[in-house]
Amino acid sequence: MKKSTTGLLLGSALVVGLAGCATPNTSPSSDRPWFQQPVTCGIAGSLIGGSIGYATSGSSDEEEGAATGAVAGAAIGALLCADRSPAPVAEPEPMPAPEPEPVPAFEPVTLSSEVNFAFDSDELRPQAEMTLDEVARRLREHTDVRIRIEGHTDSRGSAQYNQGLSERRANSVRSYLASQGVAGDRMMAVGYGEQRPVASNETDEGRALNRRVEIDRQ
């Protein structure tokens, strides 16, 4: 048989043999059978390529043709069986949970000026109730806070009467906060009458400021 015919037959064998090695497979090379490993395909390609090179070369360059064919066959075989599985996608790192914002501390509150009590009255005004709604919300957030509710009056009337009026004002605030969900055992109501003015009792404006309730932590 002529060398050219032998080369043609070996070339056909290379195509058929390597086609079996290079069957489409997207699994990693470590999971493939031995005959589909790149190393195996490279060796097979080298042997077949060397044979083709030898068969198709002249008598004077048989060794050179075999070597060239072996190198080319090895490269083609390894390339056909190379791992073409997609690279693994890295899992995104979870985002850290946001830290909860600190709850503002409870600050003292004074019901006076436009939200204070009318003369000789312990009835809460609408503006005072709006302020107390916010106080109740803060107290529900700060469940460990206990408060002291202090009632005050101006100096008109007797000291004894004003003492009782200041106590009724403090208890009026305490009752409203309890209706908004603040536990009664967290609140202490006390009256100071006219003993602790914050403004002059000689003017209407000063007396209005003295008719007040102050809320502070115990």
N, C-alpha and C. Protein backbone atom coordinates (compact mmCIF):
# COMPACT_ATOMS: atom_id res chain seq x y z
N MET A 1 0.86 -1.20 0.00
CA MET A 1 0.00 0.00 0.00
C MET A 1 0.89 1.23 0.00
N LYS A 2 0.51 2.21 -0.80
CA LYS A 2 1.29 3.43 -0.88
C LYS A 2 1.19 4.23 0.41
N LYS A 3 2.26 5.03 0.69
CA LYS A 3 2.25 5.85 1.91
C LYS A 3 1.11 6.85 1.90
N SER A 4 0.76 7.44 0.76
CA SER A 4 -0.31 8.43 0.70
C SER A 4 -1.64 7.81 1.07
N THR A 5 -1.85 6.58 0.57
CA THR A 5 -3.11 5.88 0.93
C THR A 5 -3.13 5.57 2.41
N THR A 6 -1.98 5.13 2.93
CA THR A 6 -1.89 4.86 4.37
C THR A 6 -2.18 6.12 5.18
N GLY A 7 -1.62 7.24 4.72
CA GLY A 7 -1.88 8.51 5.43
C GLY A 7 -3.34 8.87 5.42
N LEU A 8 -4.03 8.63 4.28
CA LEU A 8 -5.45 8.94 4.20
C LEU A 8 -6.25 8.09 5.18
N LEU A 9 -5.91 6.79 5.25
CA LEU A 9 -6.62 5.90 6.17
C LEU A 9 -6.36 6.31 7.62
N LEU A 10 -5.09 6.63 7.93
CA LEU A 10 -4.79 7.03 9.30
C LEU A 10 -5.46 8.35 9.66
N GLY A 11 -5.55 9.24 8.65
CA GLY A 11 -6.25 10.51 8.91
C GLY A 11 -7.70 10.27 9.23
N SER A 12 -8.32 9.36 8.50
CA SER A 12 -9.72 9.03 8.80
C SER A 12 -9.84 8.44 10.19
N ALA A 13 -8.85 7.59 10.55
CA ALA A 13 -8.87 7.01 11.90
C ALA A 13 -8.72 8.09 12.97
N LEU A 14 -7.88 9.11 12.67
CA LEU A 14 -7.72 10.23 13.62
C LEU A 14 -9.03 10.95 13.84
N VAL A 15 -9.76 11.24 12.75
CA VAL A 15 -11.04 11.94 12.88
C VAL A 15 -12.04 11.11 13.68
N VAL A 16 -12.14 9.81 13.33
CA VAL A 16 -13.11 8.95 14.03
C VAL A 16 -12.73 8.77 15.49
N GLY A 17 -11.43 8.50 15.71
CA GLY A 17 -10.99 8.24 17.09
C GLY A 17 -11.13 9.45 17.98
N LEU A 18 -10.70 10.59 17.51
CA LEU A 18 -10.78 11.79 18.34
C LEU A 18 -12.20 12.30 18.46
N ALA A 19 -13.05 11.99 17.47
CA ALA A 19 -14.45 12.38 17.60
C ALA A 19 -15.09 11.69 18.79
N GLY A 20 -14.69 10.44 19.02
CA GLY A 20 -15.21 9.73 20.20
C GLY A 20 -14.69 10.33 21.48
N CYS A 21 -13.43 10.75 21.46
CA CYS A 21 -12.88 11.39 22.66
C CYS A 21 -13.51 12.73 22.93
N ALA A 22 -13.83 13.46 21.83
CA ALA A 22 -14.29 14.84 21.98
C ALA A 22 -15.80 14.94 21.91
N THR A 23 -16.54 13.90 22.30
CA THR A 23 -17.99 13.98 22.35
C THR A 23 -18.40 15.16 23.22
N PRO A 24 -19.33 16.02 22.76
CA PRO A 24 -19.69 17.21 23.55
C PRO A 24 -20.00 16.85 24.99
N ASN A 25 -19.35 17.52 25.89
CA ASN A 25 -19.50 17.23 27.31
C ASN A 25 -19.14 18.49 28.07
N THR A 26 -20.07 19.02 28.79
CA THR A 26 -19.82 20.26 29.54
C THR A 26 -19.47 19.99 30.98
N SER A 27 -19.33 18.71 31.35
CA SER A 27 -18.96 18.43 32.73
C SER A 27 -17.47 18.62 32.91
N PRO A 28 -16.97 18.91 34.13
CA PRO A 28 -15.55 19.09 34.35
C PRO A 28 -14.78 17.85 33.92
N SER A 29 -13.51 18.06 33.53
CA SER A 29 -12.69 16.94 33.06
C SER A 29 -12.52 15.87 34.13
N SER A 30 -12.57 16.22 35.41
CA SER A 30 -12.41 15.23 36.47
C SER A 30 -13.58 14.26 36.54
N ASP A 31 -14.74 14.65 35.94
CA ASP A 31 -15.92 13.78 35.97
C ASP A 31 -16.06 12.96 34.69
N ARG A 32 -15.15 13.09 33.72
CA ARG A 32 -15.27 12.39 32.46
C ARG A 32 -14.62 11.00 32.54
N PRO A 33 -15.02 10.06 31.63
CA PRO A 33 -14.32 8.77 31.56
C PRO A 33 -12.90 8.97 31.07
N TRP A 34 -12.06 7.96 31.30
CA TRP A 34 -10.62 8.10 30.99
C TRP A 34 -10.36 8.43 29.54
N PHE A 35 -11.18 7.90 28.62
CA PHE A 35 -10.90 8.09 27.20
C PHE A 35 -11.29 9.47 26.71
N GLN A 36 -11.95 10.27 27.55
CA GLN A 36 -12.28 11.64 27.18
C GLN A 36 -11.41 12.66 27.92
N GLN A 37 -10.42 12.19 28.64
CA GLN A 37 -9.52 13.11 29.33
C GLN A 37 -8.57 13.76 28.32
N PRO A 38 -8.24 15.05 28.49
CA PRO A 38 -7.35 15.73 27.54
C PRO A 38 -6.00 15.02 27.36
N VAL A 39 -5.47 14.44 28.44
CA VAL A 39 -4.18 13.75 28.34
C VAL A 39 -4.29 12.54 27.42
N THR A 40 -5.39 11.77 27.61
CA THR A 40 -5.59 10.58 26.78
C THR A 40 -5.76 10.97 25.32
N CYS A 41 -6.59 12.01 25.09
CA CYS A 41 -6.78 12.45 23.71
C CYS A 41 -5.48 12.98 23.11
N GLY A 42 -4.68 13.64 23.93
CA GLY A 42 -3.41 14.15 23.42
C GLY A 42 -2.46 13.03 23.02
N ILE A 43 -2.39 11.96 23.85
CA ILE A 43 -1.52 10.83 23.52
C ILE A 43 -2.00 10.15 22.25
N ALA A 44 -3.34 9.93 22.20
CA ALA A 44 -3.89 9.28 21.00
C ALA A 44 -3.63 10.13 19.77
N GLY A 45 -3.85 11.43 19.89
CA GLY A 45 -3.60 12.32 18.76
C GLY A 45 -2.15 12.31 18.35
N SER A 46 -1.23 12.23 19.36
CA SER A 46 0.19 12.21 19.05
C SER A 46 0.57 10.96 18.27
N LEU A 47 0.04 9.80 18.70
CA LEU A 47 0.36 8.54 18.01
C LEU A 47 -0.19 8.55 16.59
N ILE A 48 -1.45 8.95 16.46
CA ILE A 48 -2.05 8.94 15.13
C ILE A 48 -1.41 9.99 14.24
N GLY A 49 -1.17 11.18 14.80
CA GLY A 49 -0.53 12.23 14.01
C GLY A 49 0.86 11.85 13.57
N GLY A 50 1.61 11.18 14.45
CA GLY A 50 2.94 10.72 14.08
C GLY A 50 2.89 9.70 12.96
N SER A 51 1.91 8.80 13.05
CA SER A 51 1.75 7.80 11.99
C SER A 51 1.42 8.47 10.67
N ILE A 52 0.51 9.46 10.69
CA ILE A 52 0.16 10.16 9.46
C ILE A 52 1.39 10.87 8.89
N GLY A 53 2.13 11.52 9.77
CA GLY A 53 3.32 12.23 9.32
C GLY A 53 4.33 11.28 8.69
N TYR A 54 4.48 10.13 9.28
CA TYR A 54 5.41 9.15 8.73
C TYR A 54 4.92 8.63 7.39
N ALA A 55 3.59 8.33 7.33
CA ALA A 55 3.04 7.71 6.12
C ALA A 55 3.03 8.67 4.95
N THR A 56 2.90 9.95 5.23
CA THR A 56 2.78 10.91 4.13
C THR A 56 4.10 11.55 3.76
N SER A 57 5.18 11.27 4.45
CA SER A 57 6.47 11.89 4.16
C SER A 57 7.26 11.04 3.18
N GLY A 58 8.22 11.67 2.60
CA GLY A 58 9.10 10.94 1.70
C GLY A 58 10.07 10.08 2.48
N SER A 59 10.80 9.23 1.74
CA SER A 59 11.72 8.31 2.41
C SER A 59 12.87 9.04 3.09
N SER A 60 13.17 10.23 2.63
CA SER A 60 14.30 10.97 3.19
C SER A 60 13.94 11.77 4.44
N ASP A 61 12.67 12.03 4.64
CA ASP A 61 12.26 12.85 5.80
C ASP A 61 11.18 12.17 6.62
N GLU A 62 11.25 10.87 6.75
CA GLU A 62 10.24 10.11 7.50
C GLU A 62 10.23 10.52 8.99
N GLU A 63 11.42 10.62 9.56
CA GLU A 63 11.49 10.95 10.99
C GLU A 63 10.95 12.35 11.26
N GLU A 64 11.32 13.29 10.40
CA GLU A 64 10.83 14.67 10.58
C GLU A 64 9.32 14.74 10.42
N GLY A 65 8.78 14.03 9.43
CA GLY A 65 7.33 14.02 9.21
C GLY A 65 6.60 13.38 10.36
N ALA A 66 7.17 12.29 10.92
CA ALA A 66 6.52 11.64 12.07
C ALA A 66 6.50 12.56 13.28
N ALA A 67 7.61 13.25 13.53
CA ALA A 67 7.68 14.16 14.68
C ALA A 67 6.69 15.31 14.53
N THR A 68 6.65 15.89 13.32
CA THR A 68 5.73 17.00 13.09
C THR A 68 4.28 16.54 13.26
N GLY A 69 3.96 15.40 12.70
CA GLY A 69 2.60 14.87 12.83
C GLY A 69 2.24 14.55 14.26
N ALA A 70 3.20 14.04 15.03
CA ALA A 70 2.93 13.71 16.45
C ALA A 70 2.60 14.96 17.24
N VAL A 71 3.39 16.03 17.01
CA VAL A 71 3.13 17.28 17.73
C VAL A 71 1.78 17.86 17.36
N ALA A 72 1.49 17.88 16.05
CA ALA A 72 0.20 18.43 15.61
C ALA A 72 -0.96 17.59 16.11
N GLY A 73 -0.80 16.28 16.04
CA GLY A 73 -1.89 15.40 16.52
C GLY A 73 -2.13 15.54 18.00
N ALA A 74 -1.07 15.66 18.79
CA ALA A 74 -1.23 15.84 20.24
C ALA A 74 -1.97 17.12 20.55
N ALA A 75 -1.60 18.19 19.84
CA ALA A 75 -2.25 19.48 20.09
C ALA A 75 -3.73 19.44 19.73
N ILE A 76 -4.03 18.81 18.57
CA ILE A 76 -5.44 18.73 18.14
C ILE A 76 -6.24 17.86 19.10
N GLY A 77 -5.66 16.72 19.48
CA GLY A 77 -6.39 15.83 20.40
C GLY A 77 -6.67 16.47 21.75
N ALA A 78 -5.66 17.12 22.31
CA ALA A 78 -5.87 17.79 23.61
C ALA A 78 -6.87 18.92 23.50
N LEU A 79 -6.83 19.64 22.35
CA LEU A 79 -7.76 20.76 22.17
C LEU A 79 -9.20 20.28 22.07
N LEU A 80 -9.39 19.20 21.35
CA LEU A 80 -10.76 18.68 21.18
C LEU A 80 -11.35 18.19 22.50
N CYS A 81 -10.52 17.67 23.37
CA CYS A 81 -11.02 17.12 24.65
C CYS A 81 -10.83 18.10 25.80
N ALA A 82 -10.48 19.33 25.49
CA ALA A 82 -10.26 20.31 26.56
C ALA A 82 -11.55 20.54 27.33
N ASP A 83 -11.39 20.93 28.59
CA ASP A 83 -12.54 21.21 29.46
C ASP A 83 -13.19 22.51 29.02
N ARG A 84 -14.42 22.40 28.50
CA ARG A 84 -15.16 23.60 28.06
C ARG A 84 -16.34 23.90 28.97
N SER A 85 -16.32 23.34 30.16
CA SER A 85 -17.40 23.62 31.11
C SER A 85 -17.30 25.05 31.59
N PRO A 86 -18.45 25.73 31.78
CA PRO A 86 -18.40 27.14 32.20
C PRO A 86 -17.77 27.30 33.56
N ALA A 87 -17.07 28.39 33.71
CA ALA A 87 -16.44 28.67 35.00
C ALA A 87 -17.51 28.88 36.06
N PRO A 88 -17.29 28.36 37.28
CA PRO A 88 -18.29 28.54 38.34
C PRO A 88 -18.47 30.01 38.70
N VAL A 89 -19.70 30.38 38.94
CA VAL A 89 -20.02 31.76 39.31
C VAL A 89 -19.96 31.88 40.82
N ALA A 90 -19.17 32.82 41.30
CA ALA A 90 -19.03 33.00 42.74
C ALA A 90 -20.32 33.52 43.34
N GLU A 91 -20.70 32.93 44.47
CA GLU A 91 -21.90 33.39 45.18
C GLU A 91 -21.64 34.77 45.77
N PRO A 92 -22.56 35.72 45.57
CA PRO A 92 -22.35 37.05 46.18
C PRO A 92 -22.39 36.97 47.70
N GLU A 93 -21.50 37.70 48.32
CA GLU A 93 -21.47 37.72 49.78
C GLU A 93 -22.71 38.44 50.31
N PRO A 94 -23.32 37.87 51.36
CA PRO A 94 -24.52 38.51 51.90
C PRO A 94 -24.21 39.88 52.49
N MET A 95 -25.12 40.80 52.27
CA MET A 95 -24.96 42.14 52.81
C MET A 95 -25.16 42.11 54.33
N PRO A 96 -24.32 42.82 55.06
CA PRO A 96 -24.51 42.84 56.52
C PRO A 96 -25.82 43.52 56.89
N ALA A 97 -26.47 42.98 57.91
CA ALA A 97 -27.74 43.54 58.35
C ALA A 97 -27.52 44.95 58.92
N PRO A 98 -28.38 45.88 58.55
CA PRO A 98 -28.20 47.24 59.09
C PRO A 98 -28.40 47.28 60.60
N GLU A 99 -27.57 48.05 61.24
CA GLU A 99 -27.70 48.18 62.69
C GLU A 99 -28.92 49.03 63.02
N PRO A 100 -29.69 48.59 64.04
CA PRO A 100 -30.87 49.38 64.41
C PRO A 100 -30.48 50.75 64.94
N GLU A 101 -31.24 51.75 64.57
CA GLU A 101 -30.96 53.09 65.04
C GLU A 101 -31.30 53.19 66.53
N PRO A 102 -30.44 53.85 67.30
CA PRO A 102 -30.72 53.97 68.73
C PRO A 102 -31.98 54.80 68.98
N VAL A 103 -32.75 54.38 69.97
CA VAL A 103 -33.96 55.10 70.34
C VAL A 103 -33.57 56.33 71.16
N PRO A 104 -34.03 57.53 70.79
CA PRO A 104 -33.66 58.72 71.55
C PRO A 104 -34.05 58.59 73.02
N ALA A 105 -33.20 59.11 73.88
CA ALA A 105 -33.47 59.04 75.31
C ALA A 105 -34.67 59.92 75.67
N PHE A 106 -35.32 59.56 76.77
CA PHE A 106 -36.48 60.34 77.21
C PHE A 106 -36.02 61.67 77.80
N GLU A 107 -36.61 62.73 77.32
CA GLU A 107 -36.26 64.08 77.79
C GLU A 107 -37.42 64.65 78.60
N PRO A 108 -37.10 65.51 79.57
CA PRO A 108 -38.17 66.14 80.36
C PRO A 108 -39.14 66.93 79.49
N VAL A 109 -40.39 67.01 79.93
CA VAL A 109 -41.44 67.73 79.19
C VAL A 109 -42.16 68.66 80.15
N THR A 110 -42.45 69.86 79.68
CA THR A 110 -43.22 70.81 80.48
C THR A 110 -44.47 71.22 79.70
N LEU A 111 -45.65 71.04 80.32
CA LEU A 111 -46.92 71.49 79.73
C LEU A 111 -47.21 72.87 80.29
N SER A 112 -46.91 73.88 79.48
CA SER A 112 -47.15 75.25 79.93
C SER A 112 -47.41 76.11 78.72
N SER A 113 -47.37 77.42 78.91
CA SER A 113 -47.62 78.38 77.84
C SER A 113 -48.96 78.10 77.17
N GLU A 114 -48.97 77.88 75.83
CA GLU A 114 -50.25 77.75 75.14
C GLU A 114 -50.92 76.41 75.38
N VAL A 115 -50.21 75.44 76.00
CA VAL A 115 -50.84 74.14 76.24
C VAL A 115 -51.03 73.89 77.74
N ASN A 116 -50.95 74.93 78.53
CA ASN A 116 -51.11 74.71 79.97
C ASN A 116 -52.59 74.70 80.35
N PHE A 117 -52.87 74.74 81.62
CA PHE A 117 -54.23 74.65 82.13
C PHE A 117 -54.86 76.04 82.23
N ALA A 118 -56.15 76.08 82.07
CA ALA A 118 -56.89 77.32 82.28
C ALA A 118 -56.92 77.63 83.77
N PHE A 119 -57.27 78.86 84.11
CA PHE A 119 -57.35 79.25 85.51
C PHE A 119 -58.36 78.36 86.24
N ASP A 120 -57.92 77.86 87.41
CA ASP A 120 -58.76 77.05 88.29
C ASP A 120 -59.30 75.80 87.56
N SER A 121 -58.48 75.19 86.72
CA SER A 121 -58.93 74.01 85.96
C SER A 121 -57.84 72.95 85.94
N ASP A 122 -58.28 71.68 85.97
CA ASP A 122 -57.34 70.56 85.79
C ASP A 122 -57.63 69.80 84.49
N GLU A 123 -58.42 70.42 83.60
CA GLU A 123 -58.79 69.77 82.35
C GLU A 123 -57.71 70.00 81.30
N LEU A 124 -57.32 68.92 80.65
CA LEU A 124 -56.30 69.02 79.61
C LEU A 124 -56.86 69.68 78.36
N ARG A 125 -56.08 70.57 77.77
CA ARG A 125 -56.46 71.19 76.51
C ARG A 125 -56.04 70.31 75.33
N PRO A 126 -56.65 70.49 74.16
CA PRO A 126 -56.28 69.66 73.00
C PRO A 126 -54.80 69.71 72.66
N GLN A 127 -54.20 70.90 72.78
CA GLN A 127 -52.77 71.00 72.47
C GLN A 127 -51.94 70.16 73.45
N ALA A 128 -52.38 70.15 74.72
CA ALA A 128 -51.67 69.35 75.72
C ALA A 128 -51.78 67.86 75.41
N GLU A 129 -52.95 67.42 74.93
CA GLU A 129 -53.13 66.01 74.60
C GLU A 129 -52.22 65.61 73.44
N MET A 130 -52.04 66.51 72.47
CA MET A 130 -51.13 66.21 71.36
C MET A 130 -49.70 66.02 71.87
N THR A 131 -49.29 66.88 72.81
CA THR A 131 -47.96 66.74 73.38
C THR A 131 -47.84 65.44 74.17
N LEU A 132 -48.87 65.10 74.93
CA LEU A 132 -48.85 63.88 75.73
C LEU A 132 -48.88 62.61 74.87
N ASP A 133 -49.47 62.70 73.68
CA ASP A 133 -49.44 61.55 72.78
C ASP A 133 -47.99 61.20 72.42
N GLU A 134 -47.18 62.22 72.18
CA GLU A 134 -45.77 62.00 71.87
C GLU A 134 -45.02 61.48 73.09
N VAL A 135 -45.36 62.03 74.27
CA VAL A 135 -44.74 61.53 75.51
C VAL A 135 -45.05 60.05 75.70
N ALA A 136 -46.30 59.67 75.48
CA ALA A 136 -46.70 58.27 75.64
C ALA A 136 -45.95 57.37 74.67
N ARG A 137 -45.78 57.84 73.43
CA ARG A 137 -45.06 57.03 72.44
C ARG A 137 -43.62 56.79 72.89
N ARG A 138 -42.97 57.83 73.38
CA ARG A 138 -41.59 57.69 73.84
C ARG A 138 -41.49 56.78 75.05
N LEU A 139 -42.48 56.85 75.93
CA LEU A 139 -42.46 55.99 77.11
C LEU A 139 -42.70 54.53 76.73
N ARG A 140 -43.50 54.29 75.69
CA ARG A 140 -43.69 52.91 75.23
C ARG A 140 -42.41 52.35 74.62
N GLU A 141 -41.59 53.22 74.03
CA GLU A 141 -40.30 52.78 73.49
C GLU A 141 -39.28 52.55 74.59
N HIS A 142 -39.32 53.38 75.63
CA HIS A 142 -38.39 53.26 76.77
C HIS A 142 -39.14 52.60 77.93
N THR A 143 -39.26 51.29 77.86
CA THR A 143 -40.07 50.59 78.87
C THR A 143 -39.42 50.57 80.25
N ASP A 144 -38.13 50.94 80.32
CA ASP A 144 -37.45 50.95 81.62
C ASP A 144 -37.53 52.31 82.31
N VAL A 145 -38.14 53.30 81.67
CA VAL A 145 -38.20 54.65 82.23
C VAL A 145 -39.42 54.80 83.13
N ARG A 146 -39.18 55.32 84.32
CA ARG A 146 -40.25 55.68 85.24
C ARG A 146 -40.27 57.21 85.35
N ILE A 147 -41.46 57.79 85.41
CA ILE A 147 -41.55 59.24 85.38
C ILE A 147 -42.21 59.80 86.63
N ARG A 148 -41.92 61.07 86.84
CA ARG A 148 -42.49 61.84 87.95
C ARG A 148 -43.28 62.99 87.32
N ILE A 149 -44.58 63.09 87.63
CA ILE A 149 -45.47 64.10 87.07
C ILE A 149 -45.74 65.14 88.16
N GLU A 150 -45.29 66.36 87.93
CA GLU A 150 -45.37 67.41 88.95
C GLU A 150 -46.37 68.48 88.51
N GLY A 151 -47.39 68.71 89.34
CA GLY A 151 -48.38 69.75 89.08
C GLY A 151 -48.06 71.04 89.81
N HIS A 152 -48.39 72.20 89.15
CA HIS A 152 -48.10 73.51 89.73
C HIS A 152 -49.28 74.46 89.46
N THR A 153 -49.37 75.53 90.25
CA THR A 153 -50.41 76.55 90.07
C THR A 153 -49.79 77.94 90.16
N ASP A 154 -50.60 78.96 89.85
CA ASP A 154 -50.17 80.32 90.14
C ASP A 154 -50.53 80.63 91.59
N SER A 155 -50.37 81.87 91.98
CA SER A 155 -50.55 82.21 93.40
C SER A 155 -51.94 82.71 93.74
N ARG A 156 -52.85 82.78 92.79
CA ARG A 156 -54.20 83.24 93.13
C ARG A 156 -54.94 82.14 93.85
N GLY A 157 -55.66 82.53 94.88
CA GLY A 157 -56.35 81.55 95.71
C GLY A 157 -55.50 81.19 96.90
N SER A 158 -56.08 80.38 97.80
CA SER A 158 -55.35 80.01 99.01
C SER A 158 -54.30 78.94 98.69
N ALA A 159 -53.29 78.88 99.54
CA ALA A 159 -52.23 77.90 99.34
C ALA A 159 -52.77 76.48 99.43
N GLN A 160 -53.74 76.27 100.36
CA GLN A 160 -54.32 74.93 100.51
C GLN A 160 -55.09 74.52 99.26
N TYR A 161 -55.88 75.47 98.73
CA TYR A 161 -56.65 75.17 97.52
C TYR A 161 -55.71 74.88 96.35
N ASN A 162 -54.68 75.71 96.23
CA ASN A 162 -53.74 75.53 95.12
C ASN A 162 -52.98 74.20 95.22
N GLN A 163 -52.74 73.74 96.43
CA GLN A 163 -52.08 72.44 96.59
C GLN A 163 -52.94 71.32 96.01
N GLY A 164 -54.21 71.35 96.36
CA GLY A 164 -55.11 70.33 95.83
C GLY A 164 -55.27 70.42 94.32
N LEU A 165 -55.33 71.66 93.79
CA LEU A 165 -55.47 71.86 92.35
C LEU A 165 -54.24 71.33 91.61
N SER A 166 -53.06 71.56 92.18
CA SER A 166 -51.85 71.07 91.51
C SER A 166 -51.81 69.54 91.48
N GLU A 167 -52.31 68.90 92.54
CA GLU A 167 -52.36 67.44 92.56
C GLU A 167 -53.36 66.91 91.52
N ARG A 168 -54.49 67.59 91.39
CA ARG A 168 -55.47 67.16 90.39
C ARG A 168 -54.91 67.31 88.97
N ARG A 169 -54.16 68.35 88.72
CA ARG A 169 -53.55 68.53 87.41
C ARG A 169 -52.53 67.42 87.11
N ALA A 170 -51.73 67.07 88.10
CA ALA A 170 -50.76 65.99 87.90
C ALA A 170 -51.47 64.67 87.63
N ASN A 171 -52.53 64.40 88.36
CA ASN A 171 -53.27 63.15 88.17
C ASN A 171 -54.02 63.13 86.84
N SER A 172 -54.42 64.32 86.36
CA SER A 172 -55.07 64.40 85.06
C SER A 172 -54.12 63.94 83.96
N VAL A 173 -52.87 64.38 84.04
CA VAL A 173 -51.86 63.96 83.06
C VAL A 173 -51.56 62.47 83.20
N ARG A 174 -51.47 62.01 84.44
CA ARG A 174 -51.19 60.59 84.67
C ARG A 174 -52.29 59.71 84.07
N SER A 175 -53.54 60.11 84.26
CA SER A 175 -54.66 59.32 83.72
C SER A 175 -54.64 59.29 82.20
N TYR A 176 -54.29 60.42 81.59
CA TYR A 176 -54.26 60.45 80.13
C TYR A 176 -53.16 59.54 79.59
N LEU A 177 -51.97 59.59 80.20
CA LEU A 177 -50.88 58.73 79.75
C LEU A 177 -51.23 57.25 79.93
N ALA A 178 -51.94 56.93 81.03
CA ALA A 178 -52.36 55.55 81.24
C ALA A 178 -53.32 55.10 80.14
N SER A 179 -54.19 56.02 79.68
CA SER A 179 -55.13 55.67 78.60
C SER A 179 -54.41 55.44 77.28
N GLN A 180 -53.15 55.93 77.17
CA GLN A 180 -52.36 55.75 75.95
C GLN A 180 -51.37 54.59 76.06
N GLY A 181 -51.56 53.74 77.06
CA GLY A 181 -50.77 52.52 77.15
C GLY A 181 -49.57 52.56 78.06
N VAL A 182 -49.43 53.60 78.88
CA VAL A 182 -48.31 53.67 79.83
C VAL A 182 -48.77 53.07 81.15
N ALA A 183 -48.02 52.08 81.65
CA ALA A 183 -48.40 51.39 82.89
C ALA A 183 -48.41 52.36 84.06
N GLY A 184 -49.44 52.25 84.91
CA GLY A 184 -49.58 53.16 86.03
C GLY A 184 -48.46 53.08 87.04
N ASP A 185 -47.85 51.88 87.19
CA ASP A 185 -46.78 51.74 88.18
C ASP A 185 -45.47 52.37 87.72
N ARG A 186 -45.46 52.93 86.51
CA ARG A 186 -44.27 53.64 86.03
C ARG A 186 -44.39 55.14 86.25
N MET A 187 -45.52 55.59 86.79
CA MET A 187 -45.77 57.04 86.91
C MET A 187 -46.10 57.39 88.36
N MET A 188 -45.51 58.49 88.83
CA MET A 188 -45.82 59.02 90.16
C MET A 188 -46.29 60.46 89.99
N ALA A 189 -47.47 60.78 90.50
CA ALA A 189 -48.03 62.13 90.41
C ALA A 189 -47.90 62.83 91.75
N VAL A 190 -47.43 64.09 91.69
CA VAL A 190 -47.26 64.87 92.91
C VAL A 190 -47.61 66.32 92.61
N GLY A 191 -48.14 67.05 93.61
CA GLY A 191 -48.49 68.46 93.44
C GLY A 191 -47.65 69.35 94.34
N TYR A 192 -47.28 70.51 93.79
CA TYR A 192 -46.48 71.46 94.57
C TYR A 192 -47.21 72.79 94.80
N GLY A 193 -48.46 72.86 94.37
CA GLY A 193 -49.21 74.08 94.60
C GLY A 193 -48.55 75.27 93.92
N GLU A 194 -48.45 76.36 94.71
CA GLU A 194 -47.85 77.60 94.21
C GLU A 194 -46.41 77.77 94.66
N GLN A 195 -45.80 76.69 95.17
CA GLN A 195 -44.49 76.81 95.81
C GLN A 195 -43.34 77.01 94.81
N ARG A 196 -43.48 76.58 93.58
CA ARG A 196 -42.35 76.60 92.66
C ARG A 196 -42.70 77.37 91.37
N PRO A 197 -42.88 78.64 91.44
CA PRO A 197 -43.19 79.42 90.23
C PRO A 197 -41.96 79.52 89.33
N VAL A 198 -42.21 79.61 88.02
CA VAL A 198 -41.12 79.80 87.05
C VAL A 198 -41.18 81.20 86.45
N ALA A 199 -42.19 81.97 86.80
CA ALA A 199 -42.35 83.34 86.30
C ALA A 199 -43.07 84.15 87.37
N SER A 200 -43.15 85.43 87.15
CA SER A 200 -43.80 86.32 88.11
C SER A 200 -45.31 86.09 88.13
N ASN A 201 -45.89 86.05 89.31
CA ASN A 201 -47.34 85.95 89.45
C ASN A 201 -48.02 87.32 89.41
N GLU A 202 -47.27 88.37 89.10
CA GLU A 202 -47.82 89.70 89.04
C GLU A 202 -48.40 90.04 87.67
N THR A 203 -48.15 89.17 86.67
CA THR A 203 -48.67 89.42 85.32
C THR A 203 -49.47 88.21 84.84
N ASP A 204 -50.37 88.47 83.87
CA ASP A 204 -51.14 87.36 83.31
C ASP A 204 -50.22 86.34 82.63
N GLU A 205 -49.22 86.86 81.91
CA GLU A 205 -48.30 85.96 81.23
C GLU A 205 -47.52 85.09 82.22
N GLY A 206 -47.06 85.69 83.30
CA GLY A 206 -46.32 84.93 84.30
C GLY A 206 -47.20 83.90 84.98
N ARG A 207 -48.41 84.27 85.32
CA ARG A 207 -49.31 83.29 85.98
C ARG A 207 -49.65 82.14 85.03
N ALA A 208 -49.79 82.44 83.73
CA ALA A 208 -50.08 81.36 82.76
C ALA A 208 -48.92 80.35 82.72
N LEU A 209 -47.70 80.85 82.81
CA LEU A 209 -46.55 79.94 82.80
C LEU A 209 -46.48 79.11 84.07
N ASN A 210 -46.97 79.64 85.16
CA ASN A 210 -46.92 78.90 86.43
C ASN A 210 -48.00 77.81 86.51
N ARG A 211 -49.06 77.95 85.73
CA ARG A 211 -50.10 76.91 85.69
C ARG A 211 -49.63 75.81 84.73
N ARG A 212 -48.86 74.90 85.25
CA ARG A 212 -48.17 73.95 84.38
C ARG A 212 -48.06 72.56 85.04
N VAL A 213 -47.66 71.59 84.22
CA VAL A 213 -47.29 70.26 84.70
C VAL A 213 -45.94 69.92 84.07
N GLU A 214 -45.01 69.44 84.87
CA GLU A 214 -43.70 69.04 84.38
C GLU A 214 -43.55 67.52 84.51
N ILE A 215 -42.97 66.91 83.48
CA ILE A 215 -42.78 65.45 83.46
C ILE A 215 -41.29 65.19 83.35
N ASP A 216 -40.75 64.44 84.28
CA ASP A 216 -39.32 64.14 84.28
C ASP A 216 -39.11 62.69 84.74
N ARG A 217 -37.91 62.19 84.53
CA ARG A 217 -37.60 60.84 84.99
C ARG A 217 -37.49 60.80 86.51
N GLN A 218 -37.90 59.69 87.07
CA GLN A 218 -37.74 59.52 88.51
C GLN A 218 -36.28 59.28 88.86
